[in-house]
Amino acid sequence: MPVLQRKELEGSPLADLHTIAAELGVEGFRAKRKADLIDAILGESPVSAEEPEPDEVPAEEALEAPAGTPDEPAGDEDAAGDEPEAVVESAVEEEPEVVEEPVAEEEIVTGVLDVLPNGSGFVRVDPAGHARDDVYVSPAQIRRCELRSGDEVSGPVRPARRNERHPSLVHVEKVNGADAEPPAERPRFSDLTPVFASERLKAPKSLDKVPFGKGSRVVITGPAGAGSTTLLREVVAKLAKDHSELGVQVALIGVRPEEVSEWGDIGATGVVGGSFDRSPETQAQAAELAVERAKRRVEQGGHAAVVVDSLDALPAAARRRVFGAGRALEEGGSLTVIAVTGEGSDALRWATTRIVLEAGATKPTVSPERSGSLRSDRL
């Protein structure tokens, strides 16, 4: 555990101090004032050595004690007591017997970290949105391990106490499958160089003339009833079957409850968000967290895809962040974003691949004149 600084602790909320005190095993920490609690935290030793009682002298000190002390005047052989060997033997004999108590088995949680603006965070256990079982993570732990939104975090959990709403993470054991130590060098997604996609992804036959690749921003649009969502499901099923290297996530924003069930039947994908009866804010947060999870995968050189149905149901700012994350990277890795959107959406200008469907067809039919991809020669 890193050395805790008093200044850092004094600037931390009381809830974070309680979490740190719980990790250190400080007794009765909830009854202490903040200043006393900080003193108790700083006074805890990672070695867990007991301080000697005032009338006890550790064996090591007894061997090195000078001849003249307030209790043992120099030159008084009667007051000097036994030889050093006898003192050591006595000290050993008086040590209490250590009885090991059985340790309760701790629950281990694994989930995606959602970092809040105040620096604290939650391990989200329900990909569809917030839940009471979400696990609180203190700002101190987030700073210590240099965690980011979208990191997969694992560690033991303690139950919520009487005045708490959520259980808390005791400590971080794993981050993205590795030990919870800050990496020597960790790239940031925003600092990497975007380039046009050059590795083509397999798609349904109806899209043979509208290629897209790893890192493309793809929009599927058309009039009502043209089959945008049907085609989107076909695309996802194809990606799940032929591209196991992609971490495909589906973000459902404002869809019908029945469609949520249909998406769940596709399999091999993670579904977040939900139907229109969930709050727009919760669904937007779920979509953005899915994108953050994909970014963490891409930063490590992997490939990811986020599928959105539908993009127009997101707030404008979230729409730009979600769709704008799609890119291939010169340094390696890619994030593909495929979204259903309306015919007048700004996403048509932002996209690298436009798939426009014809009206009145019995099945999704692509309009070759209005569809196409930028730099299709690279695919």
Protein backbone atom coordinates (compact mmCIF):
# COMPACT_ATOMS: atom_id res chain seq x y z
CA MET A 1 0.00 0.00 0.00
CA PRO A 2 1.47 3.44 -0.90
CA VAL A 3 2.43 5.87 1.86
CA LEU A 4 -0.55 7.98 2.84
CA GLN A 5 0.07 11.70 3.21
CA ARG A 6 -1.70 13.77 5.86
CA LYS A 7 -2.43 16.59 3.41
CA GLU A 8 -4.12 14.18 0.99
CA LEU A 9 -6.21 12.65 3.77
CA GLU A 10 -7.29 16.06 5.11
CA GLY A 11 -8.64 16.91 1.66
CA SER A 12 -10.56 13.65 1.31
CA PRO A 13 -14.29 13.27 2.13
CA LEU A 14 -15.19 11.43 5.32
CA ALA A 15 -16.63 8.52 3.29
CA ASP A 16 -13.24 7.95 1.64
CA LEU A 17 -11.49 8.06 5.02
CA HIS A 18 -13.94 5.42 6.28
CA THR A 19 -13.06 3.20 3.31
CA ILE A 20 -9.31 3.58 3.95
CA ALA A 21 -9.78 2.94 7.67
CA ALA A 22 -11.76 -0.20 6.91
CA GLU A 23 -8.93 -1.45 4.67
CA LEU A 24 -6.41 -0.84 7.47
CA GLY A 25 -8.58 -2.43 10.14
CA VAL A 26 -8.90 0.70 12.30
CA GLU A 27 -11.26 -0.17 15.14
CA GLY A 28 -14.24 2.08 15.88
CA PHE A 29 -13.39 4.42 13.00
CA ARG A 30 -17.00 5.49 12.41
CA ALA A 31 -17.21 7.03 15.88
CA LYS A 32 -14.07 9.15 15.45
CA ARG A 33 -13.90 12.78 14.43
CA LYS A 34 -12.13 13.49 11.14
CA ALA A 35 -8.89 14.69 12.75
CA ASP A 36 -8.75 11.71 15.12
CA LEU A 37 -9.56 9.37 12.24
CA ILE A 38 -6.65 10.75 10.18
CA ASP A 39 -4.33 10.26 13.17
CA ALA A 40 -5.55 6.67 13.51
CA ILE A 41 -5.03 5.97 9.79
CA LEU A 42 -1.50 7.40 9.81
CA GLY A 43 -0.73 5.50 12.99
CA GLU A 44 -1.59 2.11 11.50
CA SER A 45 1.47 0.05 10.56
CA PRO A 46 1.38 -2.39 7.62
CA VAL A 47 3.49 -4.79 9.69
CA SER A 48 0.74 -5.12 12.35
CA ALA A 49 3.24 -5.10 15.25
CA GLU A 50 1.84 -4.57 18.73
CA GLU A 51 3.30 -1.76 20.86
CA PRO A 52 4.74 -3.00 24.17
CA GLU A 53 2.82 -2.25 27.33
CA PRO A 54 4.36 0.50 29.49
CA ASP A 55 5.71 -2.02 32.04
CA GLU A 56 7.05 -4.44 29.43
CA VAL A 57 10.46 -4.28 27.74
CA PRO A 58 10.97 -6.12 24.40
CA ALA A 59 13.68 -8.75 24.54
CA GLU A 60 15.82 -6.92 21.98
CA GLU A 61 15.83 -3.73 24.08
CA ALA A 62 16.59 -5.69 27.28
CA LEU A 63 19.79 -7.02 25.74
CA GLU A 64 20.97 -3.54 24.76
CA ALA A 65 19.78 -1.60 27.84
CA PRO A 66 22.51 0.54 29.49
CA ALA A 67 23.56 -0.19 33.05
CA GLY A 68 22.09 3.02 34.45
CA THR A 69 18.34 3.65 34.03
CA PRO A 70 15.82 5.38 36.33
CA ASP A 71 14.58 1.97 37.56
CA GLU A 72 18.00 0.30 37.75
CA PRO A 73 20.75 2.54 39.22
CA ALA A 74 24.26 1.94 37.86
CA GLY A 75 26.55 -0.11 40.07
CA ASP A 76 23.75 -1.63 42.17
CA GLU A 77 24.15 -5.35 41.50
CA ASP A 78 21.07 -6.29 43.55
CA ALA A 79 18.88 -3.95 41.46
CA ALA A 80 20.36 -5.21 38.20
CA GLY A 81 18.25 -8.35 38.40
CA ASP A 82 18.87 -11.48 36.34
CA GLU A 83 21.32 -12.01 33.53
CA PRO A 84 20.22 -10.94 29.98
CA GLU A 85 19.54 -14.60 29.05
CA ALA A 86 17.00 -14.86 31.86
CA VAL A 87 15.33 -11.66 30.70
CA VAL A 88 14.94 -13.03 27.18
CA GLU A 89 13.53 -16.30 28.47
CA SER A 90 11.07 -14.48 30.69
CA ALA A 91 9.92 -12.22 27.84
CA VAL A 92 9.32 -15.22 25.62
CA GLU A 93 7.44 -17.14 28.27
CA GLU A 94 5.11 -14.19 28.95
CA GLU A 95 4.06 -13.71 25.30
CA PRO A 96 0.37 -14.57 24.94
CA GLU A 97 -0.58 -17.49 22.79
CA VAL A 98 -1.72 -16.39 19.32
CA VAL A 99 -4.99 -17.97 18.33
CA GLU A 100 -5.83 -17.68 14.64
CA GLU A 101 -9.47 -16.94 14.00
CA PRO A 102 -11.11 -18.34 10.85
CA VAL A 103 -11.25 -15.73 8.08
CA ALA A 104 -14.64 -15.28 6.46
CA GLU A 105 -14.63 -15.89 2.72
CA GLU A 106 -14.90 -12.57 0.86
CA GLU A 107 -17.18 -12.03 -2.10
CA ILE A 108 -15.26 -11.10 -5.26
CA VAL A 109 -16.90 -8.79 -7.77
CA THR A 110 -15.87 -8.16 -11.38
CA GLY A 111 -17.38 -5.43 -13.49
CA VAL A 112 -16.83 -2.28 -15.52
CA LEU A 113 -15.75 0.83 -13.64
CA ASP A 114 -17.76 4.01 -14.08
CA VAL A 115 -15.79 7.02 -12.78
CA LEU A 116 -17.94 9.95 -11.62
CA PRO A 117 -17.03 13.66 -11.96
CA ASN A 118 -16.21 13.88 -8.22
CA GLY A 119 -13.43 11.28 -8.58
CA SER A 120 -15.23 8.37 -6.97
CA GLY A 121 -16.73 5.54 -9.00
CA PHE A 122 -18.86 2.41 -9.16
CA VAL A 123 -18.29 -1.07 -10.48
CA ARG A 124 -21.43 -1.57 -12.57
CA VAL A 125 -22.78 -5.08 -12.14
CA ASP A 126 -25.82 -4.60 -14.40
CA PRO A 127 -24.83 -3.64 -17.97
CA ALA A 128 -28.33 -2.33 -18.63
CA GLY A 129 -27.87 0.53 -16.15
CA HIS A 130 -27.48 1.49 -12.50
CA ALA A 131 -28.40 -0.98 -9.75
CA ARG A 132 -28.38 -1.16 -5.95
CA ASP A 133 -25.74 -3.91 -6.20
CA ASP A 134 -23.26 -1.56 -7.89
CA VAL A 135 -20.05 -1.44 -5.82
CA TYR A 136 -18.63 1.87 -4.60
CA VAL A 137 -14.95 2.60 -5.34
CA SER A 138 -13.22 5.41 -3.42
CA PRO A 139 -11.26 8.20 -5.16
CA ALA A 140 -8.13 7.07 -3.29
CA GLN A 141 -8.29 3.61 -4.90
CA ILE A 142 -8.97 5.11 -8.33
CA ARG A 143 -5.95 7.43 -8.03
CA ARG A 144 -3.72 4.74 -6.55
CA CYS A 145 -4.28 2.33 -9.47
CA GLU A 146 -4.71 5.08 -12.11
CA LEU A 147 -8.09 3.68 -13.08
CA ARG A 148 -10.26 4.97 -15.95
CA SER A 149 -13.90 4.62 -16.88
CA GLY A 150 -14.35 1.39 -18.81
CA ASP A 151 -11.63 -0.53 -16.96
CA GLU A 152 -12.66 -4.04 -15.92
CA VAL A 153 -12.05 -4.12 -12.17
CA SER A 154 -12.04 -7.08 -9.81
CA GLY A 155 -11.67 -7.28 -6.03
CA PRO A 156 -13.24 -8.27 -2.70
CA VAL A 157 -16.36 -6.47 -1.50
CA ARG A 158 -17.78 -5.70 1.91
CA PRO A 159 -21.55 -5.30 2.41
CA ALA A 160 -23.12 -1.88 2.77
CA ARG A 161 -23.32 -0.66 6.35
CA ARG A 162 -26.45 0.75 7.91
CA ASN A 163 -25.90 4.31 6.65
CA GLU A 164 -24.63 3.32 3.19
CA ARG A 165 -26.57 2.68 -0.02
CA HIS A 166 -24.03 0.48 -1.80
CA PRO A 167 -21.45 -2.16 -0.93
CA SER A 168 -17.82 -1.01 -1.15
CA LEU A 169 -14.72 -2.39 -2.83
CA VAL A 170 -12.19 -3.37 -0.15
CA HIS A 171 -9.26 -3.15 -2.55
CA VAL A 172 -8.52 -3.57 -6.25
CA GLU A 173 -7.00 -6.94 -7.15
CA LYS A 174 -7.19 -7.00 -10.95
CA VAL A 175 -7.48 -4.35 -13.67
CA ASN A 176 -8.29 -5.57 -17.18
CA GLY A 177 -7.16 -9.05 -16.16
CA ALA A 178 -3.74 -7.94 -14.84
CA ASP A 179 -2.49 -7.21 -11.33
CA ALA A 180 -3.68 -3.90 -9.94
CA GLU A 181 -0.44 -1.99 -10.38
CA PRO A 182 -0.26 1.20 -12.47
CA PRO A 183 1.37 0.28 -15.80
CA ALA A 184 4.70 1.88 -16.60
CA GLU A 185 3.22 3.31 -19.78
CA ARG A 186 -0.46 3.36 -20.71
CA PRO A 187 -1.58 5.15 -23.90
CA ARG A 188 -4.63 7.38 -23.93
CA PHE A 189 -7.21 6.81 -26.66
CA SER A 190 -7.48 10.53 -27.44
CA ASP A 191 -3.71 10.78 -28.02
CA LEU A 192 -3.60 8.01 -30.66
CA THR A 193 -3.66 8.79 -34.40
CA PRO A 194 -6.93 8.13 -36.31
CA VAL A 195 -6.70 6.79 -39.87
CA PHE A 196 -9.21 5.47 -42.40
CA ALA A 197 -10.15 1.82 -42.00
CA SER A 198 -8.11 -0.64 -44.08
CA GLU A 199 -9.27 -4.07 -42.83
CA ARG A 200 -12.69 -5.01 -44.19
CA LEU A 201 -15.32 -6.57 -41.95
CA LYS A 202 -17.62 -9.33 -43.18
CA ALA A 203 -21.23 -8.23 -43.62
CA PRO A 204 -24.52 -9.59 -45.04
CA LYS A 205 -24.59 -10.06 -48.83
CA SER A 206 -26.87 -7.05 -49.27
CA LEU A 207 -23.93 -4.84 -48.24
CA ASP A 208 -21.36 -6.26 -50.67
CA LYS A 209 -21.24 -2.94 -52.56
CA VAL A 210 -21.05 -0.82 -49.40
CA PRO A 211 -17.91 -2.06 -47.64
CA PHE A 212 -16.84 -0.97 -44.17
CA GLY A 213 -13.96 -2.03 -41.97
CA LYS A 214 -12.46 -2.06 -38.50
CA GLY A 215 -12.68 1.51 -37.29
CA SER A 216 -15.46 2.69 -39.62
CA ARG A 217 -18.30 4.93 -38.48
CA VAL A 218 -21.36 3.37 -40.12
CA VAL A 219 -24.90 4.76 -40.26
CA ILE A 220 -27.96 2.83 -41.41
CA THR A 221 -30.84 5.13 -42.32
CA GLY A 222 -34.07 5.15 -44.25
CA PRO A 223 -37.77 6.01 -44.00
CA ALA A 224 -39.96 4.44 -41.33
CA GLY A 225 -40.62 0.77 -42.09
CA ALA A 226 -37.57 0.39 -44.35
CA GLY A 227 -36.03 -2.22 -42.03
CA SER A 228 -33.08 -0.36 -40.48
CA THR A 229 -33.20 -2.33 -37.23
CA THR A 230 -33.65 -5.63 -39.09
CA LEU A 231 -30.52 -4.97 -41.16
CA LEU A 232 -28.64 -3.88 -38.04
CA ARG A 233 -29.41 -7.21 -36.35
CA GLU A 234 -28.16 -9.07 -39.44
CA VAL A 235 -24.91 -7.08 -39.30
CA VAL A 236 -24.40 -7.85 -35.60
CA ALA A 237 -25.11 -11.57 -36.10
CA LYS A 238 -22.53 -11.67 -38.91
CA LEU A 239 -19.89 -9.88 -36.84
CA ALA A 240 -20.49 -12.18 -33.86
CA LYS A 241 -20.11 -15.24 -36.10
CA ASP A 242 -17.10 -14.23 -38.20
CA HIS A 243 -15.17 -11.78 -36.03
CA SER A 244 -14.59 -13.26 -32.59
CA GLU A 245 -11.72 -10.78 -32.10
CA LEU A 246 -14.25 -7.94 -31.83
CA GLY A 247 -15.72 -7.15 -28.44
CA VAL A 248 -19.22 -6.37 -29.78
CA GLN A 249 -21.52 -4.37 -27.49
CA VAL A 250 -25.07 -3.32 -28.39
CA ALA A 251 -26.42 -0.09 -26.86
CA LEU A 252 -30.22 0.05 -27.02
CA ILE A 253 -31.50 3.58 -26.61
CA GLY A 254 -35.24 4.28 -26.46
CA VAL A 255 -36.37 1.07 -28.19
CA ARG A 256 -39.51 -0.98 -27.48
CA PRO A 257 -39.34 -3.51 -24.62
CA GLU A 258 -40.12 -6.32 -27.08
CA GLU A 259 -37.08 -5.33 -29.16
CA VAL A 260 -34.84 -5.65 -26.10
CA SER A 261 -35.91 -9.29 -25.86
CA GLU A 262 -35.25 -9.86 -29.57
CA TRP A 263 -31.76 -8.42 -29.28
CA GLY A 264 -31.03 -10.77 -26.40
CA ASP A 265 -31.76 -13.75 -28.66
CA ILE A 266 -28.89 -12.94 -31.02
CA GLY A 267 -26.25 -14.06 -28.50
CA ALA A 268 -22.48 -13.54 -28.47
CA THR A 269 -22.93 -9.82 -27.70
CA GLY A 270 -23.28 -7.62 -24.63
CA VAL A 271 -26.51 -5.58 -24.53
CA VAL A 272 -26.63 -2.33 -22.51
CA GLY A 273 -29.16 0.47 -22.20
CA GLY A 274 -32.78 -0.59 -22.59
CA SER A 275 -36.28 0.37 -23.61
CA PHE A 276 -37.91 3.79 -23.66
CA ASP A 277 -39.28 3.36 -20.12
CA ARG A 278 -35.79 3.90 -18.70
CA SER A 279 -34.65 7.48 -18.15
CA PRO A 280 -32.74 9.07 -21.06
CA GLU A 281 -29.87 9.93 -18.72
CA THR A 282 -29.44 6.31 -17.58
CA GLN A 283 -29.47 5.04 -21.17
CA ALA A 284 -26.99 7.71 -22.28
CA GLN A 285 -24.65 6.78 -19.43
CA ALA A 286 -24.89 3.10 -20.40
CA ALA A 287 -24.02 3.90 -24.03
CA GLU A 288 -21.08 6.10 -23.07
CA LEU A 289 -19.78 3.50 -20.62
CA ALA A 290 -19.91 0.90 -23.42
CA VAL A 291 -17.78 3.22 -25.54
CA GLU A 292 -15.32 3.77 -22.68
CA ARG A 293 -15.02 0.00 -22.23
CA ALA A 294 -14.28 -0.31 -25.96
CA LYS A 295 -11.63 2.44 -25.73
CA ARG A 296 -9.78 0.60 -22.97
CA ARG A 297 -9.68 -2.49 -25.21
CA VAL A 298 -8.39 -0.46 -28.15
CA GLU A 299 -5.69 1.24 -26.05
CA GLN A 300 -4.21 -2.22 -25.52
CA GLY A 301 -4.11 -2.83 -29.29
CA GLY A 302 -7.39 -4.76 -29.52
CA HIS A 303 -10.49 -4.28 -31.65
CA ALA A 304 -14.00 -3.41 -30.50
CA ALA A 305 -17.40 -2.55 -31.96
CA VAL A 306 -20.30 -0.60 -30.46
CA VAL A 307 -23.70 -0.91 -32.13
CA VAL A 308 -26.35 1.75 -31.35
CA ASP A 309 -30.11 1.51 -31.90
CA SER A 310 -30.89 4.30 -32.19
CA LEU A 311 -28.42 7.16 -32.22
CA ASP A 312 -31.13 9.84 -32.44
CA ALA A 313 -32.50 8.86 -29.02
CA LEU A 314 -29.29 10.05 -27.33
CA PRO A 315 -28.82 13.66 -26.19
CA ALA A 316 -26.89 15.69 -28.79
CA ALA A 317 -23.65 15.88 -26.79
CA ALA A 318 -23.68 12.15 -25.99
CA ARG A 319 -24.46 11.38 -29.64
CA ARG A 320 -21.29 13.12 -30.78
CA ARG A 321 -19.15 11.41 -28.16
CA VAL A 322 -20.52 7.94 -28.89
CA PHE A 323 -20.45 8.11 -32.68
CA GLY A 324 -17.26 10.17 -32.82
CA ALA A 325 -15.30 7.49 -30.95
CA GLY A 326 -15.26 5.25 -34.04
CA ARG A 327 -11.81 5.15 -35.68
CA ALA A 328 -8.93 2.96 -36.76
CA LEU A 329 -5.62 3.85 -35.14
CA GLU A 330 -2.22 4.13 -36.75
CA GLU A 331 -0.62 2.67 -33.61
CA GLY A 332 -2.92 -0.39 -33.78
CA GLY A 333 -6.41 -1.26 -32.62
CA SER A 334 -9.79 -0.01 -33.82
CA LEU A 335 -13.23 0.98 -32.57
CA THR A 336 -16.09 0.45 -35.03
CA VAL A 337 -19.39 2.25 -34.40
CA ILE A 338 -22.51 1.15 -36.30
CA ALA A 339 -25.70 3.09 -35.64
CA VAL A 340 -29.28 3.43 -36.85
CA THR A 341 -30.23 7.06 -37.37
CA GLY A 342 -32.82 9.28 -39.03
CA GLU A 343 -32.56 10.57 -42.59
CA GLY A 344 -31.77 14.13 -41.49
CA SER A 345 -29.23 13.27 -38.81
CA ASP A 346 -25.87 15.04 -38.55
CA ALA A 347 -24.34 11.56 -38.24
CA LEU A 348 -24.69 11.24 -42.03
CA ARG A 349 -21.99 13.91 -42.34
CA TRP A 350 -19.79 12.35 -39.66
CA ALA A 351 -20.00 8.81 -41.03
CA THR A 352 -17.34 7.10 -43.13
CA THR A 353 -19.96 4.62 -44.44
CA ARG A 354 -23.59 5.50 -45.27
CA ILE A 355 -26.16 2.75 -45.82
CA VAL A 356 -29.42 4.23 -47.07
CA LEU A 357 -32.46 1.96 -47.43
CA GLU A 358 -35.23 2.19 -50.02
CA ALA A 359 -38.81 2.83 -48.97
CA GLY A 360 -41.62 0.34 -49.53
CA ALA A 361 -39.51 -2.81 -49.93
CA THR A 362 -40.60 -6.07 -48.27
CA LYS A 363 -37.08 -6.54 -46.86
CA PRO A 364 -34.18 -4.13 -46.24
CA THR A 365 -33.01 -2.94 -49.66
CA VAL A 366 -29.93 -0.75 -50.04
CA SER A 367 -30.05 2.28 -52.34
CA PRO A 368 -26.75 2.05 -54.31
CA GLU A 369 -26.97 5.67 -55.49
CA ARG A 370 -27.25 7.13 -51.97
CA SER A 371 -24.99 4.68 -50.14
CA GLY A 372 -21.22 4.44 -50.08
CA SER A 373 -17.95 4.51 -48.14
CA LEU A 374 -15.11 6.99 -47.94
CA ARG A 375 -11.77 5.57 -49.05
CA SER A 376 -13.40 2.30 -50.07
CA ASP A 377 -10.27 1.56 -52.11
CA ARG A 378 -8.45 0.86 -48.81
CA LEU A 379 -10.94 -1.93 -48.07
